Amino acid sequence: LRPNGEAGLAVTSIDAFRKYQLEDAWPWEHQALVRARFCAGDPAVGAAFARIRQEILCQKRDPAKLREDVLAMRQKMLDAHATSEDQRHVMFDLKHDPGGLVDVEFVVQALVLGHAWEHAELTANRGNIFLLRLAAETGLIPESQARSVGNAYREYRRMQHALRLNNQRSRVDPALVADKVAAVRELWKYVFG
């Protein structure tokens, strides 16, 4: 992500990054911070980034506003990428369709952004399945849902990788994933109502 949008500088100082995240970043940019991590370069910059990331993720947020923002971004993605409703009976997009990978990721992001202020351990950058388990351990979601959605996510990724390795789109027969879709949609309803 580029602080200050497409027209902004590709590189900014740590102080400018922090200021942007605290004052100007869009909610979806904070969603992206849930998955962001330092991967190369000066270790001091990496440590500073980790501190800022933790600070941003641990901010207390208005639950209703967070829900509204996350749902609005999800709707934008559905409008742009999901299989049309009249085609969903013949194909399911593993990533974009309701009950797929993006729904799992948005649930996890909402849980982190909504609860890291009281459960800082949710800022651990160890993947969606780990964070689902952690959300269950902290009492935010039922353990059975964390397990079933974690399993669905793992299977979606396995299927997606196999399809991509065979130069195919990440679309499957909906019957193959109906139980996984149902599990993800159930957790979605639990988190977002």
Protein backbone atom coordinates (compact mmCIF):
# COMPACT_ATOMS: atom_id res chain seq x y z
CA LEU A 1 0.00 0.00 0.00
CA ARG A 2 1.17 3.49 -0.74
CA PRO A 3 0.65 6.04 2.00
CA ASN A 4 -1.31 8.99 0.59
CA GLY A 5 -2.77 6.92 -2.25
CA GLU A 6 -1.66 6.27 -5.82
CA ALA A 7 -0.23 9.75 -6.21
CA GLY A 8 1.74 9.50 -2.96
CA LEU A 9 5.40 8.69 -2.60
CA ALA A 10 6.37 5.04 -2.91
CA VAL A 11 8.63 5.41 0.13
CA THR A 12 8.05 7.50 3.23
CA SER A 13 9.75 7.94 6.57
CA ILE A 14 8.62 5.85 9.51
CA ASP A 15 7.21 8.99 11.13
CA ALA A 16 5.22 9.84 7.99
CA PHE A 17 3.93 6.26 7.81
CA ARG A 18 2.77 6.38 11.44
CA LYS A 19 1.13 9.78 10.97
CA TYR A 20 -0.69 8.56 7.86
CA GLN A 21 -1.91 5.38 9.58
CA LEU A 22 -3.15 7.31 12.63
CA GLU A 23 -4.74 10.24 10.82
CA ASP A 24 -5.54 9.49 7.19
CA ALA A 25 -5.62 5.76 6.45
CA TRP A 26 -8.85 4.22 5.23
CA PRO A 27 -10.33 1.33 7.23
CA TRP A 28 -9.40 -1.15 4.48
CA GLU A 29 -5.77 -0.06 4.89
CA HIS A 30 -5.98 -1.08 8.54
CA GLN A 31 -7.51 -4.36 7.39
CA ALA A 32 -4.41 -4.84 5.21
CA LEU A 33 -2.16 -4.19 8.22
CA VAL A 34 -3.54 -7.36 9.82
CA ARG A 35 -1.60 -9.33 7.18
CA ALA A 36 1.30 -6.90 6.67
CA ARG A 37 4.78 -7.81 7.80
CA PHE A 38 8.32 -6.59 7.44
CA CYS A 39 10.25 -8.94 5.17
CA ALA A 40 13.59 -7.35 4.22
CA GLY A 41 15.84 -4.41 4.87
CA ASP A 42 17.14 -2.59 7.89
CA PRO A 43 16.10 -4.45 11.07
CA ALA A 44 15.59 -1.13 12.86
CA VAL A 45 13.02 -0.12 10.24
CA GLY A 46 11.36 -3.53 10.63
CA ALA A 47 11.15 -3.10 14.40
CA ALA A 48 9.69 0.39 14.01
CA PHE A 49 7.13 -0.92 11.50
CA ALA A 50 6.15 -3.70 13.92
CA ARG A 51 5.60 -1.17 16.73
CA ILE A 52 3.45 1.04 14.51
CA ARG A 53 1.48 -1.93 13.20
CA GLN A 54 0.82 -3.05 16.78
CA GLU A 55 -0.21 0.47 17.79
CA ILE A 56 -2.65 0.78 14.89
CA LEU A 57 -4.17 -2.67 15.27
CA CYS A 58 -4.65 -2.19 19.02
CA GLN A 59 -6.65 1.01 18.70
CA LYS A 60 -10.12 0.78 20.20
CA ARG A 61 -12.68 1.15 17.42
CA ASP A 62 -16.39 1.81 17.31
CA PRO A 63 -17.85 -1.68 16.64
CA ALA A 64 -20.76 -0.38 14.54
CA LYS A 65 -18.48 1.78 12.37
CA LEU A 66 -15.98 -1.06 11.94
CA ARG A 67 -18.79 -3.42 10.89
CA GLU A 68 -20.12 -0.85 8.42
CA ASP A 69 -16.68 -0.20 6.91
CA VAL A 70 -15.76 -3.88 6.57
CA LEU A 71 -19.13 -4.76 5.03
CA ALA A 72 -18.88 -1.84 2.58
CA MET A 73 -15.43 -2.97 1.42
CA ARG A 74 -16.63 -6.56 1.10
CA GLN A 75 -19.56 -5.41 -1.03
CA LYS A 76 -17.18 -3.50 -3.33
CA MET A 77 -15.15 -6.68 -3.80
CA LEU A 78 -18.26 -8.75 -4.46
CA ASP A 79 -19.45 -6.25 -7.04
CA ALA A 80 -16.09 -6.26 -8.80
CA HIS A 81 -15.05 -9.94 -8.65
CA ALA A 82 -17.69 -12.42 -7.52
CA THR A 83 -19.48 -14.85 -9.78
CA SER A 84 -22.83 -13.44 -10.87
CA GLU A 85 -25.73 -14.75 -8.82
CA ASP A 86 -27.27 -16.47 -11.83
CA GLN A 87 -24.02 -18.45 -12.36
CA ARG A 88 -23.34 -19.47 -8.73
CA HIS A 89 -25.31 -22.69 -9.14
CA VAL A 90 -22.76 -23.91 -11.73
CA MET A 91 -19.49 -22.44 -10.43
CA PHE A 92 -18.04 -21.22 -7.16
CA ASP A 93 -15.08 -18.82 -7.09
CA LEU A 94 -12.93 -20.04 -4.20
CA LYS A 95 -11.59 -16.59 -3.49
CA HIS A 96 -14.31 -14.06 -4.22
CA ASP A 97 -17.72 -15.66 -3.81
CA PRO A 98 -19.67 -15.41 -0.54
CA GLY A 99 -18.44 -18.14 1.78
CA GLY A 100 -14.98 -18.23 0.18
CA LEU A 101 -11.47 -17.16 1.06
CA VAL A 102 -12.13 -13.42 1.17
CA ASP A 103 -14.98 -13.89 3.63
CA VAL A 104 -12.66 -15.81 5.97
CA GLU A 105 -10.02 -13.11 5.66
CA PHE A 106 -12.54 -10.32 6.34
CA VAL A 107 -13.88 -12.13 9.41
CA VAL A 108 -10.35 -12.47 10.78
CA GLN A 109 -9.54 -8.83 10.01
CA ALA A 110 -12.73 -7.66 11.72
CA LEU A 111 -11.97 -9.75 14.79
CA VAL A 112 -8.43 -8.37 15.02
CA LEU A 113 -9.45 -4.74 14.43
CA GLY A 114 -12.40 -5.02 16.77
CA HIS A 115 -10.71 -6.79 19.65
CA ALA A 116 -6.92 -6.34 19.59
CA TRP A 117 -7.27 -3.40 21.98
CA GLU A 118 -8.28 -5.92 24.65
CA HIS A 119 -6.49 -9.00 23.23
CA ALA A 120 -3.15 -7.79 21.85
CA GLU A 121 -2.19 -11.38 21.08
CA LEU A 122 -4.53 -11.10 18.06
CA THR A 123 -1.89 -8.96 16.35
CA ALA A 124 0.35 -12.00 15.92
CA ASN A 125 1.05 -12.36 12.23
CA ARG A 126 0.79 -16.13 11.96
CA GLY A 127 -2.00 -16.60 9.46
CA ASN A 128 -5.76 -16.80 9.35
CA ILE A 129 -6.13 -20.31 10.75
CA PHE A 130 -3.98 -19.44 13.77
CA LEU A 131 -5.94 -16.23 14.32
CA LEU A 132 -9.26 -18.07 14.13
CA ARG A 133 -8.01 -20.48 16.78
CA LEU A 134 -6.80 -17.57 18.91
CA ALA A 135 -10.15 -15.79 18.54
CA ALA A 136 -11.83 -18.94 19.86
CA GLU A 137 -9.37 -19.21 22.76
CA THR A 138 -10.16 -15.62 23.76
CA GLY A 139 -13.90 -16.33 23.61
CA LEU A 140 -14.68 -14.16 20.59
CA ILE A 141 -16.04 -16.99 18.45
CA PRO A 142 -17.09 -20.57 19.17
CA GLU A 143 -14.27 -23.09 19.02
CA SER A 144 -16.28 -25.37 16.73
CA GLN A 145 -16.68 -22.56 14.19
CA ALA A 146 -12.99 -21.65 14.39
CA ARG A 147 -12.10 -25.26 13.66
CA SER A 148 -14.58 -25.78 10.80
CA VAL A 149 -13.73 -22.46 9.13
CA GLY A 150 -10.00 -23.06 9.60
CA ASN A 151 -10.42 -26.43 7.89
CA ALA A 152 -12.46 -24.83 5.09
CA TYR A 153 -9.79 -22.16 4.59
CA ARG A 154 -7.03 -24.77 4.43
CA GLU A 155 -8.99 -26.83 1.88
CA TYR A 156 -9.84 -23.76 -0.22
CA ARG A 157 -6.16 -22.86 -0.38
CA ARG A 158 -5.20 -26.42 -1.30
CA MET A 159 -7.79 -26.43 -4.10
CA GLN A 160 -6.77 -22.97 -5.28
CA HIS A 161 -3.10 -23.94 -5.49
CA ALA A 162 -3.88 -27.15 -7.40
CA LEU A 163 -6.01 -25.26 -9.91
CA ARG A 164 -3.43 -22.54 -10.42
CA LEU A 165 -0.63 -25.07 -10.89
CA ASN A 166 -2.73 -26.48 -13.73
CA ASN A 167 -3.26 -23.00 -15.19
CA GLN A 168 -6.95 -23.02 -14.29
CA ARG A 169 -9.14 -20.40 -12.69
CA SER A 170 -10.03 -20.85 -9.03
CA ARG A 171 -13.57 -21.96 -9.74
CA VAL A 172 -15.16 -25.26 -8.77
CA ASP A 173 -18.50 -27.05 -8.78
CA PRO A 174 -20.45 -25.54 -5.84
CA ALA A 175 -21.42 -29.03 -4.65
CA LEU A 176 -17.74 -29.75 -3.90
CA VAL A 177 -17.57 -26.96 -1.32
CA ALA A 178 -21.15 -26.61 -0.06
CA ASP A 179 -20.26 -27.69 3.49
CA LYS A 180 -17.31 -25.29 3.60
CA VAL A 181 -19.36 -22.40 2.26
CA ALA A 182 -22.01 -23.10 4.91
CA ALA A 183 -19.39 -23.10 7.68
CA VAL A 184 -17.88 -19.81 6.52
CA ARG A 185 -21.32 -18.18 6.10
CA GLU A 186 -22.30 -19.33 9.61
CA LEU A 187 -19.23 -17.66 11.11
CA TRP A 188 -19.84 -14.58 8.95
CA LYS A 189 -23.33 -14.28 10.45
CA TYR A 190 -21.95 -14.81 13.94
CA VAL A 191 -19.41 -11.99 13.54
CA PHE A 192 -21.39 -9.53 11.43
CA GLY A 193 -24.98 -10.41 12.32
